[in-house]
């Protein structure tokens, strides 16, 4: 199991990493943010996990259900 937070700042206490992306920091630029996150995951974690999931602050996830999948 693993957990990673993409952010505009790096904060090791919550395992967040600053991920600069093209364009403005706004909702309408979500594609660039997600593209940057997937690129980061591929470079840093591709061989470490079987699958990956991206969610936002408006998502509720039952981690136990993901483990059973």
PDB file of N, CA and C in Angstrom:
ATOM      1  N   UNK A   1       0.844  -1.180   0.000  1.00  0.00           N
ATOM      2  CA  UNK A   1       0.000   0.000   0.000  1.00  0.00           C
ATOM      3  C   UNK A   1       0.887   1.240   0.000  1.00  0.00           C
ATOM      4  N   UNK A   2       0.386   2.296  -0.590  1.00  0.00           N
ATOM      5  CA  UNK A   2       1.114   3.550  -0.597  1.00  0.00           C
ATOM      6  C   UNK A   2       0.162   4.722  -0.684  1.00  0.00           C
ATOM      7  N   UNK A   3       0.669   5.898  -0.358  1.00  0.00           N
ATOM      8  CA  UNK A   3      -0.129   7.108  -0.412  1.00  0.00           C
ATOM      9  C   UNK A   3       0.783   8.249  -0.818  1.00  0.00           C
ATOM     10  N   UNK A   4       0.296   9.093  -1.707  1.00  0.00           N
ATOM     11  CA  UNK A   4       1.095  10.207  -2.192  1.00  0.00           C
ATOM     12  C   UNK A   4       0.175  11.395  -2.434  1.00  0.00           C
ATOM     13  N   UNK A   5       0.642  12.596  -2.106  1.00  0.00           N
ATOM     14  CA  UNK A   5      -0.147  13.810  -2.292  1.00  0.00           C
ATOM     15  C   UNK A   5       0.567  14.729  -3.275  1.00  0.00           C
ATOM     16  N   UNK A   6      -0.125  15.125  -4.334  1.00  0.00           N
ATOM     17  CA  UNK A   6       0.387  16.129  -5.262  1.00  0.00           C
ATOM     18  C   UNK A   6      -0.084  17.488  -4.773  1.00  0.00           C
ATOM     19  N   UNK A   7       0.803  18.477  -4.796  1.00  0.00           N
ATOM     20  CA  UNK A   7       0.478  19.766  -4.216  1.00  0.00           C
ATOM     21  C   UNK A   7       1.245  20.868  -4.924  1.00  0.00           C
ATOM     22  N   UNK A   8       1.035  22.082  -4.447  1.00  0.00           N
ATOM     23  CA  UNK A   8       1.831  23.211  -4.920  1.00  0.00           C
ATOM     24  C   UNK A   8       3.011  23.462  -3.987  1.00  0.00           C
ATOM     25  N   UNK A   9       3.089  22.677  -2.889  1.00  0.00           N
ATOM     26  CA  UNK A   9       4.219  22.771  -1.961  1.00  0.00           C
ATOM     27  C   UNK A   9       4.675  21.370  -1.573  1.00  0.00           C
ATOM     28  N   UNK A  10       5.924  21.252  -1.175  1.00  0.00           N
ATOM     29  CA  UNK A  10       6.432  19.988  -0.657  1.00  0.00           C
ATOM     30  C   UNK A  10       6.367  20.042   0.866  1.00  0.00           C
ATOM     31  N   UNK A  11       5.723  19.042   1.462  1.00  0.00           N
ATOM     32  CA  UNK A  11       5.605  18.958   2.914  1.00  0.00           C
ATOM     33  C   UNK A  11       5.784  17.496   3.313  1.00  0.00           C
ATOM     34  N   UNK A  12       6.949  17.155   3.815  1.00  0.00           N
ATOM     35  CA  UNK A  12       7.247  15.758   4.142  1.00  0.00           C
ATOM     36  C   UNK A  12       6.373  15.202   5.263  1.00  0.00           C
ATOM     37  N   UNK A  13       5.784  16.056   6.089  1.00  0.00           N
ATOM     38  CA  UNK A  13       4.951  15.563   7.189  1.00  0.00           C
ATOM     39  C   UNK A  13       3.672  14.906   6.683  1.00  0.00           C
ATOM     40  N   UNK A  14       3.221  15.277   5.494  1.00  0.00           N
ATOM     41  CA  UNK A  14       2.037  14.634   4.899  1.00  0.00           C
ATOM     42  C   UNK A  14       2.366  13.974   3.565  1.00  0.00           C
ATOM     43  N   UNK A  15       3.662  13.830   3.270  1.00  0.00           N
ATOM     44  CA  UNK A  15       4.145  13.186   2.046  1.00  0.00           C
ATOM     45  C   UNK A  15       3.614  13.871   0.785  1.00  0.00           C
ATOM     46  N   UNK A  16       3.591  15.208   0.793  1.00  0.00           N
ATOM     47  CA  UNK A  16       3.162  15.931  -0.412  1.00  0.00           C
ATOM     48  C   UNK A  16       4.382  16.412  -1.184  1.00  0.00           C
ATOM     49  N   UNK A  17       4.243  16.466  -2.497  1.00  0.00           N
ATOM     50  CA  UNK A  17       5.330  16.884  -3.373  1.00  0.00           C
ATOM     51  C   UNK A  17       4.835  17.993  -4.286  1.00  0.00           C
ATOM     52  N   UNK A  18       5.622  19.052  -4.402  1.00  0.00           N
ATOM     53  CA  UNK A  18       5.308  20.130  -5.332  1.00  0.00           C
ATOM     54  C   UNK A  18       5.416  19.601  -6.758  1.00  0.00           C
ATOM     55  N   UNK A  19       4.371  19.779  -7.535  1.00  0.00           N
ATOM     56  CA  UNK A  19       4.367  19.340  -8.926  1.00  0.00           C
ATOM     57  C   UNK A  19       4.011  20.509  -9.833  1.00  0.00           C
ATOM     58  N   UNK A  20       5.015  21.250 -10.263  1.00  0.00           N
ATOM     59  CA  UNK A  20       4.738  22.361 -11.181  1.00  0.00           C
ATOM     60  C   UNK A  20       4.164  21.838 -12.495  1.00  0.00           C
ATOM     61  N   UNK A  21       3.225  22.546 -13.042  1.00  0.00           N
ATOM     62  CA  UNK A  21       2.600  22.137 -14.298  1.00  0.00           C
ATOM     63  C   UNK A  21       2.438  23.353 -15.192  1.00  0.00           C
ATOM     64  N   UNK A  22       2.178  23.089 -16.459  1.00  0.00           N
ATOM     65  CA  UNK A  22       1.957  24.178 -17.403  1.00  0.00           C
ATOM     66  C   UNK A  22       0.643  24.872 -17.097  1.00  0.00           C
ATOM     67  N   UNK A  23       0.593  26.154 -17.300  1.00  0.00           N
ATOM     68  CA  UNK A  23      -0.648  26.896 -17.139  1.00  0.00           C
ATOM     69  C   UNK A  23      -0.885  27.383 -15.724  1.00  0.00           C
ATOM     70  N   UNK A  24      -2.037  28.008 -15.566  1.00  0.00           N
ATOM     71  CA  UNK A  24      -2.419  28.609 -14.285  1.00  0.00           C
ATOM     72  C   UNK A  24      -2.849  27.561 -13.263  1.00  0.00           C
ATOM     73  N   UNK A  25      -2.816  27.941 -11.993  1.00  0.00           N
ATOM     74  CA  UNK A  25      -3.291  27.090 -10.902  1.00  0.00           C
ATOM     75  C   UNK A  25      -4.788  27.342 -10.730  1.00  0.00           C
ATOM     76  N   UNK A  26      -5.595  26.650 -11.549  1.00  0.00           N
ATOM     77  CA  UNK A  26      -7.043  26.825 -11.525  1.00  0.00           C
ATOM     78  C   UNK A  26      -7.721  25.547 -11.985  1.00  0.00           C
ATOM     79  N   UNK A  27      -8.998  25.433 -11.660  1.00  0.00           N
ATOM     80  CA  UNK A  27      -9.756  24.219 -11.974  1.00  0.00           C
ATOM     81  C   UNK A  27      -9.799  23.944 -13.476  1.00  0.00           C
ATOM     82  N   UNK A  28      -9.898  24.990 -14.276  1.00  0.00           N
ATOM     83  CA  UNK A  28      -9.980  24.819 -15.722  1.00  0.00           C
ATOM     84  C   UNK A  28      -8.694  24.237 -16.310  1.00  0.00           C
ATOM     85  N   UNK A  29      -7.656  24.182 -15.537  1.00  0.00           N
ATOM     86  CA  UNK A  29      -6.385  23.631 -15.999  1.00  0.00           C
ATOM     87  C   UNK A  29      -6.137  22.240 -15.414  1.00  0.00           C
ATOM     88  N   UNK A  30      -7.191  21.551 -15.042  1.00  0.00           N
ATOM     89  CA  UNK A  30      -7.081  20.251 -14.380  1.00  0.00           C
ATOM     90  C   UNK A  30      -6.316  19.231 -15.234  1.00  0.00           C
ATOM     91  N   UNK A  31      -6.492  19.261 -16.547  1.00  0.00           N
ATOM     92  CA  UNK A  31      -5.822  18.281 -17.397  1.00  0.00           C
ATOM     93  C   UNK A  31      -4.305  18.359 -17.234  1.00  0.00           C
ATOM     94  N   UNK A  32      -3.746  19.554 -17.187  1.00  0.00           N
ATOM     95  CA  UNK A  32      -2.300  19.690 -17.021  1.00  0.00           C
ATOM     96  C   UNK A  32      -1.847  19.179 -15.653  1.00  0.00           C
ATOM     97  N   UNK A  33      -2.657  19.414 -14.635  1.00  0.00           N
ATOM     98  CA  UNK A  33      -2.323  18.916 -13.296  1.00  0.00           C
ATOM     99  C   UNK A  33      -2.299  17.387 -13.279  1.00  0.00           C
ATOM    100  N   UNK A  34      -3.335  16.781 -13.830  1.00  0.00           N
ATOM    101  CA  UNK A  34      -3.423  15.315 -13.846  1.00  0.00           C
ATOM    102  C   UNK A  34      -2.319  14.718 -14.708  1.00  0.00           C
ATOM    103  N   UNK A  35      -2.030  15.340 -15.819  1.00  0.00           N
ATOM    104  CA  UNK A  35      -0.947  14.884 -16.700  1.00  0.00           C
ATOM    105  C   UNK A  35       0.388  14.893 -15.952  1.00  0.00           C
ATOM    106  N   UNK A  36       0.645  15.945 -15.192  1.00  0.00           N
ATOM    107  CA  UNK A  36       1.874  16.035 -14.405  1.00  0.00           C
ATOM    108  C   UNK A  36       1.915  14.955 -13.336  1.00  0.00           C
ATOM    109  N   UNK A  37       0.775  14.703 -12.678  1.00  0.00           N
ATOM    110  CA  UNK A  37       0.729  13.655 -11.647  1.00  0.00           C
ATOM    111  C   UNK A  37       1.028  12.283 -12.232  1.00  0.00           C
ATOM    112  N   UNK A  38       0.409  11.948 -13.364  1.00  0.00           N
ATOM    113  CA  UNK A  38       0.647  10.638 -13.974  1.00  0.00           C
ATOM    114  C   UNK A  38       2.097  10.500 -14.419  1.00  0.00           C
ATOM    115  N   UNK A  39       2.672  11.563 -14.931  1.00  0.00           N
ATOM    116  CA  UNK A  39       4.087  11.518 -15.326  1.00  0.00           C
ATOM    117  C   UNK A  39       4.973  11.251 -14.116  1.00  0.00           C
ATOM    118  N   UNK A  40       4.699  11.919 -13.007  1.00  0.00           N
ATOM    119  CA  UNK A  40       5.461  11.731 -11.783  1.00  0.00           C
ATOM    120  C   UNK A  40       5.320  10.299 -11.268  1.00  0.00           C
ATOM    121  N   UNK A  41       4.117   9.788 -11.253  1.00  0.00           N
ATOM    122  CA  UNK A  41       3.875   8.420 -10.788  1.00  0.00           C
ATOM    123  C   UNK A  41       4.626   7.427 -11.669  1.00  0.00           C
ATOM    124  N   UNK A  42       4.581   7.620 -12.958  1.00  0.00           N
ATOM    125  CA  UNK A  42       5.267   6.698 -13.881  1.00  0.00           C
ATOM    126  C   UNK A  42       6.772   6.686 -13.619  1.00  0.00           C
ATOM    127  N   UNK A  43       7.367   7.848 -13.499  1.00  0.00           N
ATOM    128  CA  UNK A  43       8.817   7.944 -13.301  1.00  0.00           C
ATOM    129  C   UNK A  43       9.246   7.403 -11.936  1.00  0.00           C
ATOM    130  N   UNK A  44       8.455   7.652 -10.893  1.00  0.00           N
ATOM    131  CA  UNK A  44       8.889   7.342  -9.537  1.00  0.00           C
ATOM    132  C   UNK A  44       8.312   6.071  -8.918  1.00  0.00           C
ATOM    133  N   UNK A  45       7.161   5.609  -9.385  1.00  0.00           N
ATOM    134  CA  UNK A  45       6.480   4.503  -8.703  1.00  0.00           C
ATOM    135  C   UNK A  45       6.006   3.371  -9.605  1.00  0.00           C
ATOM    136  N   UNK A  46       6.248   3.454 -10.894  1.00  0.00           N
ATOM    137  CA  UNK A  46       5.690   2.497 -11.849  1.00  0.00           C
ATOM    138  C   UNK A  46       5.944   1.039 -11.445  1.00  0.00           C
ATOM    139  N   UNK A  47       7.136   0.713 -11.027  1.00  0.00           N
ATOM    140  CA  UNK A  47       7.483  -0.667 -10.688  1.00  0.00           C
ATOM    141  C   UNK A  47       7.169  -1.040  -9.241  1.00  0.00           C
ATOM    142  N   UNK A  48       6.662  -0.081  -8.457  1.00  0.00           N
ATOM    143  CA  UNK A  48       6.442  -0.335  -7.034  1.00  0.00           C
ATOM    144  C   UNK A  48       5.045  -0.837  -6.693  1.00  0.00           C
ATOM    145  N   UNK A  49       4.068  -0.602  -7.565  1.00  0.00           N
ATOM    146  CA  UNK A  49       2.677  -0.947  -7.261  1.00  0.00           C
ATOM    147  C   UNK A  49       2.011  -1.598  -8.465  1.00  0.00           C
ATOM    148  N   UNK A  50       0.926  -2.315  -8.198  1.00  0.00           N
ATOM    149  CA  UNK A  50       0.184  -2.977  -9.267  1.00  0.00           C
ATOM    150  C   UNK A  50      -0.771  -2.033  -9.985  1.00  0.00           C
ATOM    151  N   UNK A  51      -1.333  -1.078  -9.259  1.00  0.00           N
ATOM    152  CA  UNK A  51      -2.256  -0.128  -9.872  1.00  0.00           C
ATOM    153  C   UNK A  51      -2.249   1.174  -9.101  1.00  0.00           C
ATOM    154  N   UNK A  52      -2.807   2.226  -9.721  1.00  0.00           N
ATOM    155  CA  UNK A  52      -2.797   3.574  -9.160  1.00  0.00           C
ATOM    156  C   UNK A  52      -4.186   4.190  -9.276  1.00  0.00           C
ATOM    157  N   UNK A  53      -4.467   5.132  -8.394  1.00  0.00           N
ATOM    158  CA  UNK A  53      -5.763   5.813  -8.378  1.00  0.00           C
ATOM    159  C   UNK A  53      -5.534   7.280  -8.059  1.00  0.00           C
ATOM    160  N   UNK A  54      -6.105   8.167  -8.854  1.00  0.00           N
ATOM    161  CA  UNK A  54      -6.030   9.599  -8.568  1.00  0.00           C
ATOM    162  C   UNK A  54      -7.416  10.068  -8.141  1.00  0.00           C
ATOM    163  N   UNK A  55      -7.454  10.814  -7.051  1.00  0.00           N
ATOM    164  CA  UNK A  55      -8.711  11.370  -6.565  1.00  0.00           C
ATOM    165  C   UNK A  55      -8.493  12.790  -6.069  1.00  0.00           C
ATOM    166  N   UNK A  56      -9.544  13.547  -6.017  1.00  0.00           N
ATOM    167  CA  UNK A  56      -9.460  14.931  -5.565  1.00  0.00           C
ATOM    168  C   UNK A  56     -10.073  15.122  -4.192  1.00  0.00           C
ATOM    169  N   UNK A  57     -10.191  16.372  -3.799  1.00  0.00           N
ATOM    170  CA  UNK A  57     -10.729  16.690  -2.478  1.00  0.00           C
ATOM    171  C   UNK A  57     -12.241  16.497  -2.398  1.00  0.00           C
ATOM    172  N   UNK A  58     -12.863  16.184  -3.523  1.00  0.00           N
ATOM    173  CA  UNK A  58     -14.305  15.950  -3.541  1.00  0.00           C
ATOM    174  C   UNK A  58     -14.638  14.460  -3.682  1.00  0.00           C
ATOM    175  N   UNK A  59     -13.682  13.598  -3.363  1.00  0.00           N
ATOM    176  CA  UNK A  59     -13.858  12.167  -3.545  1.00  0.00           C
ATOM    177  C   UNK A  59     -13.715  11.446  -2.211  1.00  0.00           C
ATOM    178  N   UNK A  60     -14.576  10.476  -1.980  1.00  0.00           N
ATOM    179  CA  UNK A  60     -14.503   9.630  -0.792  1.00  0.00           C
ATOM    180  C   UNK A  60     -14.167   8.217  -1.262  1.00  0.00           C
ATOM    181  N   UNK A  61     -13.137   7.633  -0.703  1.00  0.00           N
ATOM    182  CA  UNK A  61     -12.670   6.322  -1.141  1.00  0.00           C
ATOM    183  C   UNK A  61     -12.650   5.363   0.044  1.00  0.00           C
ATOM    184  N   UNK A  62     -13.215   4.195  -0.141  1.00  0.00           N
ATOM    185  CA  UNK A  62     -13.113   3.133   0.855  1.00  0.00           C
ATOM    186  C   UNK A  62     -11.908   2.278   0.482  1.00  0.00           C
ATOM    187  N   UNK A  63     -10.805   2.505   1.167  1.00  0.00           N
ATOM    188  CA  UNK A  63      -9.553   1.854   0.819  1.00  0.00           C
ATOM    189  C   UNK A  63      -9.684   0.341   0.905  1.00  0.00           C
ATOM    190  N   UNK A  64     -10.427  -0.150   1.859  1.00  0.00           N
ATOM    191  CA  UNK A  64     -10.607  -1.601   1.974  1.00  0.00           C
ATOM    192  C   UNK A  64     -11.242  -2.186   0.712  1.00  0.00           C
ATOM    193  N   UNK A  65     -12.177  -1.457   0.114  1.00  0.00           N
ATOM    194  CA  UNK A  65     -12.764  -1.933  -1.134  1.00  0.00           C
ATOM    195  C   UNK A  65     -11.738  -1.966  -2.252  1.00  0.00           C
ATOM    196  N   UNK A  66     -10.821  -1.013  -2.287  1.00  0.00           N
ATOM    197  CA  UNK A  66      -9.773  -1.027  -3.301  1.00  0.00           C
ATOM    198  C   UNK A  66      -8.857  -2.236  -3.118  1.00  0.00           C
ATOM    199  N   UNK A  67      -8.568  -2.567  -1.875  1.00  0.00           N
ATOM    200  CA  UNK A  67      -7.709  -3.716  -1.601  1.00  0.00           C
ATOM    201  C   UNK A  67      -8.356  -5.010  -2.068  1.00  0.00           C
ATOM    202  N   UNK A  68      -9.667  -5.097  -2.010  1.00  0.00           N
ATOM    203  CA  UNK A  68     -10.377  -6.315  -2.422  1.00  0.00           C
ATOM    204  C   UNK A  68     -10.538  -6.426  -3.924  1.00  0.00           C
ATOM    205  N   UNK A  69     -10.320  -5.348  -4.641  1.00  0.00           N
ATOM    206  CA  UNK A  69     -10.547  -5.326  -6.083  1.00  0.00           C
ATOM    207  C   UNK A  69      -9.605  -6.221  -6.825  1.00  0.00           C
TER     208      UNK A  69
END
